[in-house]
Amino acid sequence: MPKTIGILGRKIGMTRVYSEHGRSIPVTVIEAGPCTVLQKKTVEHEGYNAIQVGYLEKKSFRMTRPEAGHFKRSGGTGFYHVSEFRVSDPEMYELGQKIVLADIVNIGDKVHVTGLTKGRGFQGVVKRHGFAGGPETHGSMFHRAPGSIGCSAWPARVVKGKKMPGRMGNNKVTLKNLTVIDRRDDENLLLIEGAVPGAKNGLISIFTRA
């Protein structure tokens, strides 16, 4: 089977494992794969080489008719999550082929992990940007406000990029060169050293360094 450069999974949570020397290692547990090849994209048709994969099976009555038509070519099984991974030669894959952890990484490998950070909603400058805020006592009426945001004479406007209240979190973040501590093929589990972006059960993309 050709070397695949990525797989989808979901974050299970965090725990710790111990090395052979007794060192405590914090790890994130990710249920990765199996993923199914849904479509092959080539330079001739789409302008780039990639494979489209699906993760987490979806029952037929939950699929729309366009989704059912798309999934029909790869066997008819629907999926909740669909994503693409660049490959050098899409013709080395077959529609409906299963991609599992053993095709991606080995223990000790370095991987890149992409996920959505936890959404915090609309937040002020103290929580969003770490502003110190104003005095809390002695009659102060300035506590968690942003304060002055510009100048009246020049430039007479709010400069671009000014730290202001707004939506916080729910951003796509990639952490690079994380170490694979353990791989449990029978449970499709991957243990990666340290924390990865996202909440529990959040969708995670795992890439190799290739």
N, C-alpha and C. Protein backbone atom coordinates (compact mmCIF):
# COMPACT_ATOMS: atom_id res chain seq x y z
N MET A 1 0.85 -1.19 0.00
CA MET A 1 0.00 0.00 0.00
C MET A 1 0.89 1.25 0.00
N PRO A 2 0.55 2.28 -0.80
CA PRO A 2 1.38 3.47 -0.86
C PRO A 2 1.36 4.25 0.44
N LYS A 3 2.40 5.03 0.63
CA LYS A 3 2.50 5.87 1.84
C LYS A 3 1.50 7.01 1.75
N THR A 4 0.59 7.10 2.71
CA THR A 4 -0.40 8.17 2.78
C THR A 4 0.11 9.26 3.72
N ILE A 5 -0.20 10.50 3.41
CA ILE A 5 0.38 11.59 4.20
C ILE A 5 -0.57 12.16 5.25
N GLY A 6 -1.80 11.64 5.34
CA GLY A 6 -2.71 12.22 6.31
C GLY A 6 -3.88 11.31 6.64
N ILE A 7 -4.51 11.59 7.79
CA ILE A 7 -5.67 10.82 8.23
C ILE A 7 -6.51 11.71 9.13
N LEU A 8 -7.82 11.45 9.17
CA LEU A 8 -8.73 12.20 10.03
C LEU A 8 -8.98 11.42 11.31
N GLY A 9 -9.29 12.16 12.37
CA GLY A 9 -9.61 11.53 13.65
C GLY A 9 -10.36 12.49 14.54
N ARG A 10 -10.62 12.05 15.77
CA ARG A 10 -11.28 12.93 16.73
C ARG A 10 -10.58 12.82 18.08
N LYS A 11 -10.57 13.95 18.77
CA LYS A 11 -9.86 14.04 20.04
C LYS A 11 -10.68 13.36 21.13
N ILE A 12 -10.07 12.39 21.81
CA ILE A 12 -10.74 11.67 22.88
C ILE A 12 -10.52 12.37 24.22
N GLY A 13 -9.31 12.84 24.47
CA GLY A 13 -9.01 13.50 25.73
C GLY A 13 -7.51 13.42 26.00
N MET A 14 -7.13 13.75 27.24
CA MET A 14 -5.73 13.71 27.63
C MET A 14 -5.52 12.76 28.81
N THR A 15 -4.32 12.20 28.88
CA THR A 15 -3.93 11.35 29.99
C THR A 15 -2.41 11.41 30.09
N ARG A 16 -1.82 10.47 30.79
CA ARG A 16 -0.36 10.41 30.88
C ARG A 16 0.11 8.97 30.75
N VAL A 17 1.30 8.83 30.23
CA VAL A 17 1.94 7.53 30.19
C VAL A 17 3.34 7.70 30.78
N TYR A 18 3.97 6.57 31.10
CA TYR A 18 5.29 6.62 31.71
C TYR A 18 6.32 5.96 30.78
N SER A 19 7.46 6.62 30.65
CA SER A 19 8.54 6.07 29.84
C SER A 19 9.22 4.93 30.58
N GLU A 20 10.13 4.26 29.90
CA GLU A 20 10.85 3.15 30.54
C GLU A 20 11.75 3.63 31.68
N HIS A 21 12.01 4.95 31.71
CA HIS A 21 12.82 5.51 32.79
C HIS A 21 11.97 6.13 33.90
N GLY A 22 10.65 5.97 33.79
CA GLY A 22 9.75 6.47 34.83
C GLY A 22 9.33 7.91 34.65
N ARG A 23 9.65 8.53 33.49
CA ARG A 23 9.25 9.92 33.27
C ARG A 23 7.78 9.99 32.87
N SER A 24 7.04 10.89 33.51
CA SER A 24 5.62 11.09 33.19
C SER A 24 5.51 11.92 31.92
N ILE A 25 4.78 11.40 30.92
CA ILE A 25 4.62 12.08 29.63
C ILE A 25 3.15 12.40 29.42
N PRO A 26 2.76 13.70 29.36
CA PRO A 26 1.37 14.04 29.04
C PRO A 26 1.08 13.76 27.57
N VAL A 27 -0.01 13.08 27.30
CA VAL A 27 -0.35 12.72 25.92
C VAL A 27 -1.81 13.04 25.63
N THR A 28 -2.08 13.30 24.36
CA THR A 28 -3.45 13.44 23.88
C THR A 28 -3.84 12.17 23.14
N VAL A 29 -4.99 11.63 23.48
CA VAL A 29 -5.47 10.40 22.84
C VAL A 29 -6.39 10.78 21.68
N ILE A 30 -6.07 10.29 20.50
CA ILE A 30 -6.85 10.59 19.29
C ILE A 30 -7.30 9.29 18.65
N GLU A 31 -8.59 9.21 18.37
CA GLU A 31 -9.11 8.08 17.60
C GLU A 31 -8.99 8.46 16.13
N ALA A 32 -8.05 7.85 15.43
CA ALA A 32 -7.72 8.22 14.05
C ALA A 32 -8.09 7.10 13.08
N GLY A 33 -8.98 7.43 12.13
CA GLY A 33 -9.37 6.46 11.12
C GLY A 33 -10.30 5.39 11.69
N PRO A 34 -10.61 4.37 10.87
CA PRO A 34 -10.18 4.29 9.47
C PRO A 34 -10.92 5.27 8.57
N CYS A 35 -10.22 5.72 7.53
CA CYS A 35 -10.82 6.63 6.55
C CYS A 35 -10.99 5.89 5.22
N THR A 36 -11.99 6.29 4.46
CA THR A 36 -12.30 5.65 3.18
C THR A 36 -12.03 6.62 2.05
N VAL A 37 -11.36 6.14 1.00
CA VAL A 37 -11.08 6.98 -0.18
C VAL A 37 -12.38 7.16 -0.96
N LEU A 38 -12.78 8.41 -1.13
CA LEU A 38 -14.05 8.73 -1.80
C LEU A 38 -13.85 9.21 -3.23
N GLN A 39 -12.73 9.88 -3.47
CA GLN A 39 -12.51 10.49 -4.78
C GLN A 39 -11.02 10.70 -5.02
N LYS A 40 -10.62 10.56 -6.29
CA LYS A 40 -9.24 10.84 -6.68
C LYS A 40 -9.22 12.09 -7.54
N LYS A 41 -8.36 13.04 -7.19
CA LYS A 41 -8.25 14.29 -7.93
C LYS A 41 -6.87 14.37 -8.57
N THR A 42 -6.84 14.73 -9.86
CA THR A 42 -5.60 14.72 -10.63
C THR A 42 -5.32 16.09 -11.22
N VAL A 43 -4.07 16.27 -11.63
CA VAL A 43 -3.67 17.54 -12.25
C VAL A 43 -4.46 17.79 -13.52
N GLU A 44 -4.76 16.73 -14.27
CA GLU A 44 -5.47 16.89 -15.55
C GLU A 44 -6.87 17.43 -15.36
N HIS A 45 -7.57 17.03 -14.32
CA HIS A 45 -8.96 17.43 -14.13
C HIS A 45 -9.14 18.57 -13.13
N GLU A 46 -8.48 18.49 -11.96
CA GLU A 46 -8.67 19.50 -10.91
C GLU A 46 -7.50 20.46 -10.77
N GLY A 47 -6.36 20.15 -11.39
CA GLY A 47 -5.21 21.03 -11.30
C GLY A 47 -4.23 20.66 -10.21
N TYR A 48 -4.51 19.59 -9.46
CA TYR A 48 -3.61 19.13 -8.40
C TYR A 48 -3.91 17.67 -8.09
N ASN A 49 -2.94 17.01 -7.46
CA ASN A 49 -3.09 15.61 -7.10
C ASN A 49 -3.50 15.48 -5.64
N ALA A 50 -4.60 14.79 -5.38
CA ALA A 50 -5.07 14.60 -4.01
C ALA A 50 -6.07 13.46 -3.98
N ILE A 51 -6.33 12.98 -2.77
CA ILE A 51 -7.42 12.04 -2.56
C ILE A 51 -8.39 12.64 -1.55
N GLN A 52 -9.66 12.38 -1.77
CA GLN A 52 -10.70 12.82 -0.83
C GLN A 52 -11.09 11.62 0.02
N VAL A 53 -11.11 11.83 1.34
CA VAL A 53 -11.41 10.73 2.26
C VAL A 53 -12.59 11.10 3.15
N GLY A 54 -13.28 10.08 3.64
CA GLY A 54 -14.40 10.26 4.55
C GLY A 54 -14.11 9.60 5.89
N TYR A 55 -14.67 10.20 6.95
CA TYR A 55 -14.44 9.68 8.31
C TYR A 55 -15.74 9.74 9.09
N LEU A 56 -15.98 8.75 9.92
CA LEU A 56 -17.19 8.56 10.74
C LEU A 56 -18.41 8.30 9.86
N GLU A 57 -18.78 7.06 9.78
CA GLU A 57 -19.87 6.66 8.90
C GLU A 57 -21.21 7.29 9.31
N LYS A 58 -21.99 7.60 8.28
CA LYS A 58 -23.30 8.21 8.46
C LYS A 58 -24.37 7.29 7.85
N LYS A 59 -25.47 7.10 8.58
CA LYS A 59 -26.53 6.25 8.07
C LYS A 59 -27.20 6.87 6.85
N SER A 60 -27.75 6.02 6.00
CA SER A 60 -28.28 6.48 4.70
C SER A 60 -29.42 7.47 4.86
N PHE A 61 -30.28 7.30 5.88
CA PHE A 61 -31.43 8.19 6.02
C PHE A 61 -31.02 9.59 6.48
N ARG A 62 -29.78 9.75 6.89
CA ARG A 62 -29.30 11.07 7.30
C ARG A 62 -28.59 11.81 6.16
N MET A 63 -28.47 11.17 5.02
CA MET A 63 -27.78 11.79 3.89
C MET A 63 -28.77 12.51 2.97
N THR A 64 -28.33 13.62 2.39
CA THR A 64 -29.11 14.27 1.35
C THR A 64 -28.91 13.52 0.04
N ARG A 65 -29.74 13.80 -0.95
CA ARG A 65 -29.61 13.10 -2.24
C ARG A 65 -28.30 13.43 -2.94
N PRO A 66 -27.83 14.69 -2.92
CA PRO A 66 -26.51 14.96 -3.50
C PRO A 66 -25.38 14.21 -2.80
N GLU A 67 -25.45 14.11 -1.46
CA GLU A 67 -24.44 13.37 -0.72
C GLU A 67 -24.47 11.89 -1.09
N ALA A 68 -25.67 11.32 -1.17
CA ALA A 68 -25.80 9.91 -1.52
C ALA A 68 -25.23 9.63 -2.90
N GLY A 69 -25.44 10.56 -3.83
CA GLY A 69 -24.89 10.39 -5.18
C GLY A 69 -23.37 10.44 -5.19
N HIS A 70 -22.81 11.32 -4.36
CA HIS A 70 -21.35 11.43 -4.30
C HIS A 70 -20.73 10.20 -3.67
N PHE A 71 -21.33 9.70 -2.59
CA PHE A 71 -20.78 8.55 -1.88
C PHE A 71 -21.01 7.24 -2.64
N LYS A 72 -21.92 7.23 -3.60
CA LYS A 72 -22.27 5.99 -4.31
C LYS A 72 -21.06 5.42 -5.05
N ARG A 73 -20.21 6.28 -5.59
CA ARG A 73 -19.07 5.82 -6.39
C ARG A 73 -18.04 5.07 -5.56
N SER A 74 -18.01 5.31 -4.23
CA SER A 74 -17.02 4.66 -3.38
C SER A 74 -17.62 3.55 -2.54
N GLY A 75 -18.85 3.12 -2.89
CA GLY A 75 -19.47 2.01 -2.18
C GLY A 75 -20.79 2.33 -1.54
N GLY A 76 -21.18 3.60 -1.48
CA GLY A 76 -22.48 3.97 -0.97
C GLY A 76 -22.52 4.34 0.49
N THR A 77 -21.44 4.10 1.24
CA THR A 77 -21.41 4.44 2.66
C THR A 77 -21.17 5.93 2.82
N GLY A 78 -22.02 6.60 3.63
CA GLY A 78 -21.88 8.04 3.85
C GLY A 78 -20.99 8.33 5.05
N PHE A 79 -20.50 9.58 5.10
CA PHE A 79 -19.59 9.99 6.17
C PHE A 79 -19.94 11.39 6.65
N TYR A 80 -19.72 11.62 7.96
CA TYR A 80 -19.96 12.93 8.54
C TYR A 80 -18.87 13.95 8.15
N HIS A 81 -17.64 13.47 8.02
CA HIS A 81 -16.52 14.37 7.73
C HIS A 81 -15.84 13.95 6.44
N VAL A 82 -15.61 14.93 5.57
CA VAL A 82 -14.94 14.70 4.29
C VAL A 82 -13.80 15.70 4.17
N SER A 83 -12.63 15.22 3.79
CA SER A 83 -11.48 16.11 3.66
C SER A 83 -10.57 15.59 2.56
N GLU A 84 -9.56 16.40 2.20
CA GLU A 84 -8.60 16.04 1.16
C GLU A 84 -7.18 16.01 1.70
N PHE A 85 -6.37 15.15 1.12
CA PHE A 85 -4.95 15.09 1.43
C PHE A 85 -4.18 15.03 0.12
N ARG A 86 -3.16 15.87 0.00
CA ARG A 86 -2.33 15.87 -1.20
C ARG A 86 -1.51 14.58 -1.25
N VAL A 87 -1.40 13.99 -2.43
CA VAL A 87 -0.58 12.80 -2.65
C VAL A 87 0.17 12.99 -3.96
N SER A 88 1.25 12.23 -4.12
CA SER A 88 2.05 12.35 -5.35
C SER A 88 1.38 11.67 -6.53
N ASP A 89 0.71 10.55 -6.28
CA ASP A 89 0.09 9.80 -7.37
C ASP A 89 -1.26 9.23 -6.92
N PRO A 90 -2.36 9.89 -7.28
CA PRO A 90 -3.69 9.41 -6.86
C PRO A 90 -4.04 8.04 -7.43
N GLU A 91 -3.42 7.66 -8.56
CA GLU A 91 -3.76 6.38 -9.19
C GLU A 91 -3.30 5.19 -8.36
N MET A 92 -2.50 5.43 -7.33
CA MET A 92 -2.05 4.35 -6.46
C MET A 92 -3.13 3.97 -5.46
N TYR A 93 -4.23 4.70 -5.44
CA TYR A 93 -5.33 4.44 -4.51
C TYR A 93 -6.55 3.97 -5.28
N GLU A 94 -7.43 3.26 -4.59
CA GLU A 94 -8.68 2.78 -5.17
C GLU A 94 -9.85 3.35 -4.41
N LEU A 95 -10.95 3.65 -5.11
CA LEU A 95 -12.16 4.14 -4.45
C LEU A 95 -12.69 3.07 -3.51
N GLY A 96 -13.01 3.49 -2.29
CA GLY A 96 -13.48 2.56 -1.29
C GLY A 96 -12.38 1.96 -0.44
N GLN A 97 -11.12 2.26 -0.77
CA GLN A 97 -9.98 1.73 0.00
C GLN A 97 -9.95 2.31 1.40
N LYS A 98 -9.64 1.47 2.39
CA LYS A 98 -9.55 1.90 3.78
C LYS A 98 -8.13 2.34 4.09
N ILE A 99 -8.01 3.49 4.76
CA ILE A 99 -6.72 4.01 5.21
C ILE A 99 -6.71 3.95 6.74
N VAL A 100 -5.74 3.26 7.29
CA VAL A 100 -5.65 3.06 8.74
C VAL A 100 -4.35 3.65 9.26
N LEU A 101 -4.23 3.65 10.59
CA LEU A 101 -3.06 4.26 11.24
C LEU A 101 -1.74 3.65 10.77
N ALA A 102 -1.74 2.35 10.54
CA ALA A 102 -0.49 1.69 10.15
C ALA A 102 0.04 2.21 8.82
N ASP A 103 -0.83 2.82 8.00
CA ASP A 103 -0.40 3.38 6.72
C ASP A 103 0.21 4.76 6.88
N ILE A 104 0.08 5.35 8.06
CA ILE A 104 0.44 6.76 8.23
C ILE A 104 1.70 6.94 9.07
N VAL A 105 1.68 6.46 10.31
CA VAL A 105 2.75 6.80 11.26
C VAL A 105 3.23 5.56 12.02
N ASN A 106 4.42 5.70 12.56
CA ASN A 106 4.98 4.71 13.47
C ASN A 106 5.33 5.40 14.79
N ILE A 107 5.53 4.63 15.83
CA ILE A 107 5.90 5.19 17.14
C ILE A 107 7.24 5.92 17.01
N GLY A 108 7.27 7.13 17.54
CA GLY A 108 8.48 7.94 17.46
C GLY A 108 8.49 8.93 16.32
N ASP A 109 7.55 8.82 15.36
CA ASP A 109 7.48 9.75 14.24
C ASP A 109 7.06 11.14 14.70
N LYS A 110 7.38 12.14 13.88
CA LYS A 110 6.93 13.50 14.09
C LYS A 110 5.76 13.78 13.15
N VAL A 111 4.68 14.37 13.68
CA VAL A 111 3.48 14.65 12.88
C VAL A 111 3.03 16.08 13.09
N HIS A 112 2.24 16.58 12.13
CA HIS A 112 1.58 17.87 12.26
C HIS A 112 0.11 17.60 12.55
N VAL A 113 -0.46 18.34 13.48
CA VAL A 113 -1.86 18.13 13.89
C VAL A 113 -2.63 19.44 13.73
N THR A 114 -3.77 19.38 13.02
CA THR A 114 -4.61 20.55 12.78
C THR A 114 -5.98 20.34 13.41
N GLY A 115 -6.48 21.38 14.09
CA GLY A 115 -7.81 21.31 14.69
C GLY A 115 -8.36 22.70 14.93
N LEU A 116 -9.63 22.78 15.30
CA LEU A 116 -10.27 24.04 15.64
C LEU A 116 -10.18 24.27 17.14
N THR A 117 -9.67 25.43 17.54
CA THR A 117 -9.59 25.74 18.97
C THR A 117 -10.98 25.92 19.55
N LYS A 118 -11.08 25.83 20.86
CA LYS A 118 -12.37 26.00 21.53
C LYS A 118 -12.93 27.40 21.28
N GLY A 119 -14.20 27.47 20.92
CA GLY A 119 -14.84 28.78 20.71
C GLY A 119 -15.24 29.41 22.04
N ARG A 120 -14.87 30.67 22.24
CA ARG A 120 -15.18 31.38 23.48
C ARG A 120 -16.28 32.43 23.30
N GLY A 121 -16.77 32.58 22.08
CA GLY A 121 -17.81 33.58 21.85
C GLY A 121 -17.26 35.00 21.84
N PHE A 122 -18.14 35.97 22.03
CA PHE A 122 -17.74 37.38 22.06
C PHE A 122 -17.14 37.70 23.42
N GLN A 123 -15.88 38.18 23.42
CA GLN A 123 -15.18 38.47 24.67
C GLN A 123 -14.58 39.87 24.64
N GLY A 124 -14.39 40.43 25.82
CA GLY A 124 -13.78 41.75 25.94
C GLY A 124 -12.26 41.68 25.87
N VAL A 125 -11.62 42.84 25.98
CA VAL A 125 -10.18 42.90 25.79
C VAL A 125 -9.41 42.25 26.94
N VAL A 126 -9.99 42.19 28.14
CA VAL A 126 -9.27 41.59 29.27
C VAL A 126 -9.08 40.09 29.04
N LYS A 127 -10.13 39.39 28.65
CA LYS A 127 -10.01 37.95 28.41
C LYS A 127 -9.40 37.66 27.04
N ARG A 128 -9.77 38.46 26.03
CA ARG A 128 -9.33 38.16 24.67
C ARG A 128 -7.86 38.48 24.44
N HIS A 129 -7.39 39.59 25.00
CA HIS A 129 -6.03 40.05 24.73
C HIS A 129 -5.16 40.17 25.98
N GLY A 130 -5.73 39.91 27.16
CA GLY A 130 -4.94 39.97 28.37
C GLY A 130 -4.69 41.36 28.90
N PHE A 131 -5.57 42.34 28.59
CA PHE A 131 -5.42 43.69 29.12
C PHE A 131 -5.49 43.65 30.65
N ALA A 132 -4.76 44.53 31.30
CA ALA A 132 -4.72 44.54 32.76
C ALA A 132 -5.99 45.12 33.37
N GLY A 133 -6.66 46.02 32.67
CA GLY A 133 -7.85 46.66 33.22
C GLY A 133 -7.47 47.83 34.12
N GLY A 134 -8.48 48.49 34.65
CA GLY A 134 -8.24 49.65 35.50
C GLY A 134 -8.26 49.31 36.98
N PRO A 135 -8.13 50.32 37.84
CA PRO A 135 -8.16 50.11 39.29
C PRO A 135 -9.50 49.53 39.74
N GLU A 136 -9.47 48.73 40.78
CA GLU A 136 -10.69 48.08 41.26
C GLU A 136 -11.30 48.82 42.45
N THR A 137 -10.59 49.82 43.01
CA THR A 137 -11.06 50.48 44.23
C THR A 137 -10.94 51.99 44.11
N HIS A 138 -11.17 52.69 45.24
CA HIS A 138 -11.00 54.14 45.37
C HIS A 138 -11.82 54.93 44.36
N GLY A 139 -13.04 54.48 44.16
CA GLY A 139 -13.95 55.25 43.32
C GLY A 139 -13.73 55.14 41.84
N SER A 140 -12.85 54.25 41.41
CA SER A 140 -12.60 54.10 39.97
C SER A 140 -13.85 53.61 39.26
N MET A 141 -14.10 54.17 38.09
CA MET A 141 -15.22 53.72 37.26
C MET A 141 -14.71 53.12 35.95
N PHE A 142 -13.44 52.75 35.95
CA PHE A 142 -12.83 52.16 34.75
C PHE A 142 -12.23 50.81 35.16
N HIS A 143 -12.86 49.70 34.71
CA HIS A 143 -12.43 48.39 35.17
C HIS A 143 -11.96 47.48 34.02
N ARG A 144 -12.86 47.14 33.12
CA ARG A 144 -12.52 46.16 32.07
C ARG A 144 -12.70 46.74 30.67
N ALA A 145 -12.79 48.04 30.56
CA ALA A 145 -12.97 48.69 29.25
C ALA A 145 -11.64 48.77 28.50
N PRO A 146 -11.67 48.89 27.16
CA PRO A 146 -10.42 48.96 26.40
C PRO A 146 -9.70 50.29 26.53
N GLY A 147 -10.38 51.35 26.94
CA GLY A 147 -9.73 52.66 27.02
C GLY A 147 -9.72 53.35 25.67
N SER A 148 -8.86 54.33 25.52
CA SER A 148 -8.78 55.08 24.26
C SER A 148 -8.33 54.17 23.13
N ILE A 149 -8.96 54.28 21.98
CA ILE A 149 -8.61 53.43 20.84
C ILE A 149 -8.03 54.23 19.68
N GLY A 150 -7.81 55.52 19.85
CA GLY A 150 -7.26 56.30 18.75
C GLY A 150 -6.95 57.72 19.17
N CYS A 151 -6.56 58.56 18.22
CA CYS A 151 -6.23 59.96 18.44
C CYS A 151 -7.21 60.85 17.70
N SER A 152 -7.53 62.00 18.27
CA SER A 152 -8.53 62.88 17.66
C SER A 152 -7.95 63.69 16.51
N ALA A 153 -6.67 64.13 16.64
CA ALA A 153 -6.10 65.00 15.61
C ALA A 153 -5.48 64.20 14.47
N TRP A 154 -4.58 63.30 14.82
CA TRP A 154 -3.93 62.48 13.79
C TRP A 154 -3.65 61.10 14.35
N PRO A 155 -3.95 60.04 13.69
CA PRO A 155 -4.48 59.98 12.32
C PRO A 155 -5.98 60.14 12.24
N ALA A 156 -6.63 60.48 13.34
CA ALA A 156 -8.08 60.74 13.35
C ALA A 156 -8.90 59.54 12.91
N ARG A 157 -8.41 58.39 13.23
CA ARG A 157 -9.15 57.15 12.91
C ARG A 157 -8.57 56.03 13.79
N VAL A 158 -9.26 54.92 13.81
CA VAL A 158 -8.76 53.74 14.52
C VAL A 158 -7.85 52.96 13.57
N VAL A 159 -6.61 52.74 13.98
CA VAL A 159 -5.65 52.08 13.10
C VAL A 159 -6.02 50.61 12.92
N LYS A 160 -5.68 50.08 11.76
CA LYS A 160 -5.98 48.68 11.45
C LYS A 160 -5.21 47.76 12.38
N GLY A 161 -5.87 46.72 12.88
CA GLY A 161 -5.23 45.76 13.76
C GLY A 161 -5.31 46.10 15.23
N LYS A 162 -6.03 47.18 15.58
CA LYS A 162 -6.17 47.56 16.97
C LYS A 162 -6.84 46.44 17.76
N LYS A 163 -6.30 46.12 18.94
CA LYS A 163 -6.89 45.06 19.76
C LYS A 163 -8.19 45.54 20.37
N MET A 164 -9.27 44.86 20.00
CA MET A 164 -10.62 45.28 20.39
C MET A 164 -11.40 44.06 20.88
N PRO A 165 -12.56 44.30 21.52
CA PRO A 165 -13.44 43.16 21.83
C PRO A 165 -13.90 42.47 20.56
N GLY A 166 -14.22 41.19 20.65
CA GLY A 166 -14.70 40.47 19.47
C GLY A 166 -14.75 38.98 19.70
N ARG A 167 -14.96 38.26 18.61
CA ARG A 167 -15.08 36.80 18.69
C ARG A 167 -13.72 36.20 19.05
N MET A 168 -13.75 35.26 19.98
CA MET A 168 -12.52 34.65 20.46
C MET A 168 -12.58 33.14 20.26
N GLY A 169 -11.49 32.55 19.78
CA GLY A 169 -11.43 31.11 19.59
C GLY A 169 -12.05 30.66 18.28
N ASN A 170 -12.27 29.34 18.16
CA ASN A 170 -12.83 28.72 16.95
C ASN A 170 -11.96 29.03 15.74
N ASN A 171 -10.64 28.99 15.94
CA ASN A 171 -9.69 29.25 14.87
C ASN A 171 -8.97 27.96 14.48
N LYS A 172 -8.65 27.84 13.21
CA LYS A 172 -7.92 26.67 12.73
C LYS A 172 -6.45 26.82 13.08
N VAL A 173 -5.92 25.87 13.85
CA VAL A 173 -4.55 25.95 14.34
C VAL A 173 -3.83 24.64 14.01
N THR A 174 -2.56 24.77 13.57
CA THR A 174 -1.73 23.61 13.29
C THR A 174 -0.52 23.61 14.21
N LEU A 175 -0.31 22.52 14.92
CA LEU A 175 0.89 22.33 15.73
C LEU A 175 1.81 21.35 14.99
N LYS A 176 3.08 21.74 14.86
CA LYS A 176 4.00 20.95 14.05
C LYS A 176 4.98 20.15 14.90
N ASN A 177 5.43 19.05 14.32
CA ASN A 177 6.50 18.22 14.88
C ASN A 177 6.18 17.69 16.28
N LEU A 178 4.95 17.18 16.45
CA LEU A 178 4.58 16.51 17.69
C LEU A 178 4.99 15.05 17.62
N THR A 179 5.41 14.51 18.73
CA THR A 179 5.95 13.15 18.75
C THR A 179 4.85 12.12 19.01
N VAL A 180 4.86 11.05 18.23
CA VAL A 180 3.93 9.94 18.44
C VAL A 180 4.51 9.03 19.54
N ILE A 181 3.82 8.94 20.66
CA ILE A 181 4.28 8.14 21.79
C ILE A 181 3.86 6.68 21.67
N ASP A 182 2.65 6.45 21.19
CA ASP A 182 2.16 5.07 21.08
C ASP A 182 1.10 4.99 20.00
N ARG A 183 0.94 3.79 19.44
CA ARG A 183 -0.08 3.53 18.41
C ARG A 183 -0.73 2.20 18.72
N ARG A 184 -2.06 2.20 18.84
CA ARG A 184 -2.80 0.99 19.18
C ARG A 184 -3.77 0.67 18.04
N ASP A 185 -3.31 -0.18 17.14
CA ASP A 185 -4.03 -0.44 15.91
C ASP A 185 -5.39 -1.09 16.13
N ASP A 186 -5.49 -1.96 17.15
CA ASP A 186 -6.75 -2.67 17.37
C ASP A 186 -7.87 -1.73 17.80
N GLU A 187 -7.52 -0.56 18.37
CA GLU A 187 -8.52 0.41 18.81
C GLU A 187 -8.49 1.70 17.97
N ASN A 188 -7.63 1.74 16.96
CA ASN A 188 -7.46 2.94 16.12
C ASN A 188 -7.09 4.16 16.96
N LEU A 189 -6.25 3.97 17.97
CA LEU A 189 -5.88 5.05 18.86
C LEU A 189 -4.44 5.48 18.62
N LEU A 190 -4.22 6.79 18.72
CA LEU A 190 -2.91 7.39 18.58
C LEU A 190 -2.64 8.26 19.79
N LEU A 191 -1.50 8.05 20.44
CA LEU A 191 -1.12 8.85 21.60
C LEU A 191 -0.01 9.81 21.18
N ILE A 192 -0.30 11.11 21.25
CA ILE A 192 0.63 12.14 20.81
C ILE A 192 1.07 12.97 22.00
N GLU A 193 2.35 13.21 22.12
CA GLU A 193 2.88 13.96 23.26
C GLU A 193 2.38 15.40 23.26
N GLY A 194 1.90 15.84 24.45
CA GLY A 194 1.44 17.22 24.61
C GLY A 194 -0.01 17.40 24.22
N ALA A 195 -0.43 18.66 24.18
CA ALA A 195 -1.82 19.01 23.86
C ALA A 195 -1.97 19.31 22.38
N VAL A 196 -3.18 19.11 21.88
CA VAL A 196 -3.51 19.46 20.50
C VAL A 196 -4.74 20.35 20.51
N PRO A 197 -4.95 21.15 19.46
CA PRO A 197 -6.09 22.09 19.45
C PRO A 197 -7.42 21.37 19.47
N GLY A 198 -8.43 22.03 20.08
CA GLY A 198 -9.78 21.53 19.99
C GLY A 198 -10.35 20.99 21.29
N ALA A 199 -11.65 20.83 21.28
CA ALA A 199 -12.37 20.29 22.42
C ALA A 199 -12.53 18.78 22.27
N LYS A 200 -13.05 18.15 23.29
CA LYS A 200 -13.30 16.71 23.25
C LYS A 200 -14.24 16.38 22.10
N ASN A 201 -13.92 15.33 21.36
CA ASN A 201 -14.66 14.87 20.18
C ASN A 201 -14.51 15.80 18.98
N GLY A 202 -13.62 16.78 19.06
CA GLY A 202 -13.39 17.68 17.94
C GLY A 202 -12.64 16.97 16.82
N LEU A 203 -12.89 17.40 15.58
CA LEU A 203 -12.25 16.79 14.41
C LEU A 203 -10.78 17.20 14.36
N ILE A 204 -9.91 16.22 14.10
CA ILE A 204 -8.47 16.44 14.05
C ILE A 204 -7.94 15.90 12.73
N SER A 205 -7.03 16.65 12.10
CA SER A 205 -6.31 16.17 10.92
C SER A 205 -4.86 15.92 11.30
N ILE A 206 -4.35 14.76 10.94
CA ILE A 206 -2.98 14.38 11.28
C ILE A 206 -2.20 14.20 9.99
N PHE A 207 -1.07 14.92 9.86
CA PHE A 207 -0.24 14.87 8.69
C PHE A 207 1.14 14.35 9.04
N THR A 208 1.76 13.63 8.13
CA THR A 208 3.16 13.29 8.30
C THR A 208 4.02 14.43 7.77
N ARG A 209 5.31 14.34 8.01
CA ARG A 209 6.22 15.40 7.59
C ARG A 209 6.54 15.32 6.12
N ALA A 210 6.12 14.25 5.45
CA ALA A 210 6.42 14.09 4.03
C ALA A 210 5.70 15.15 3.21
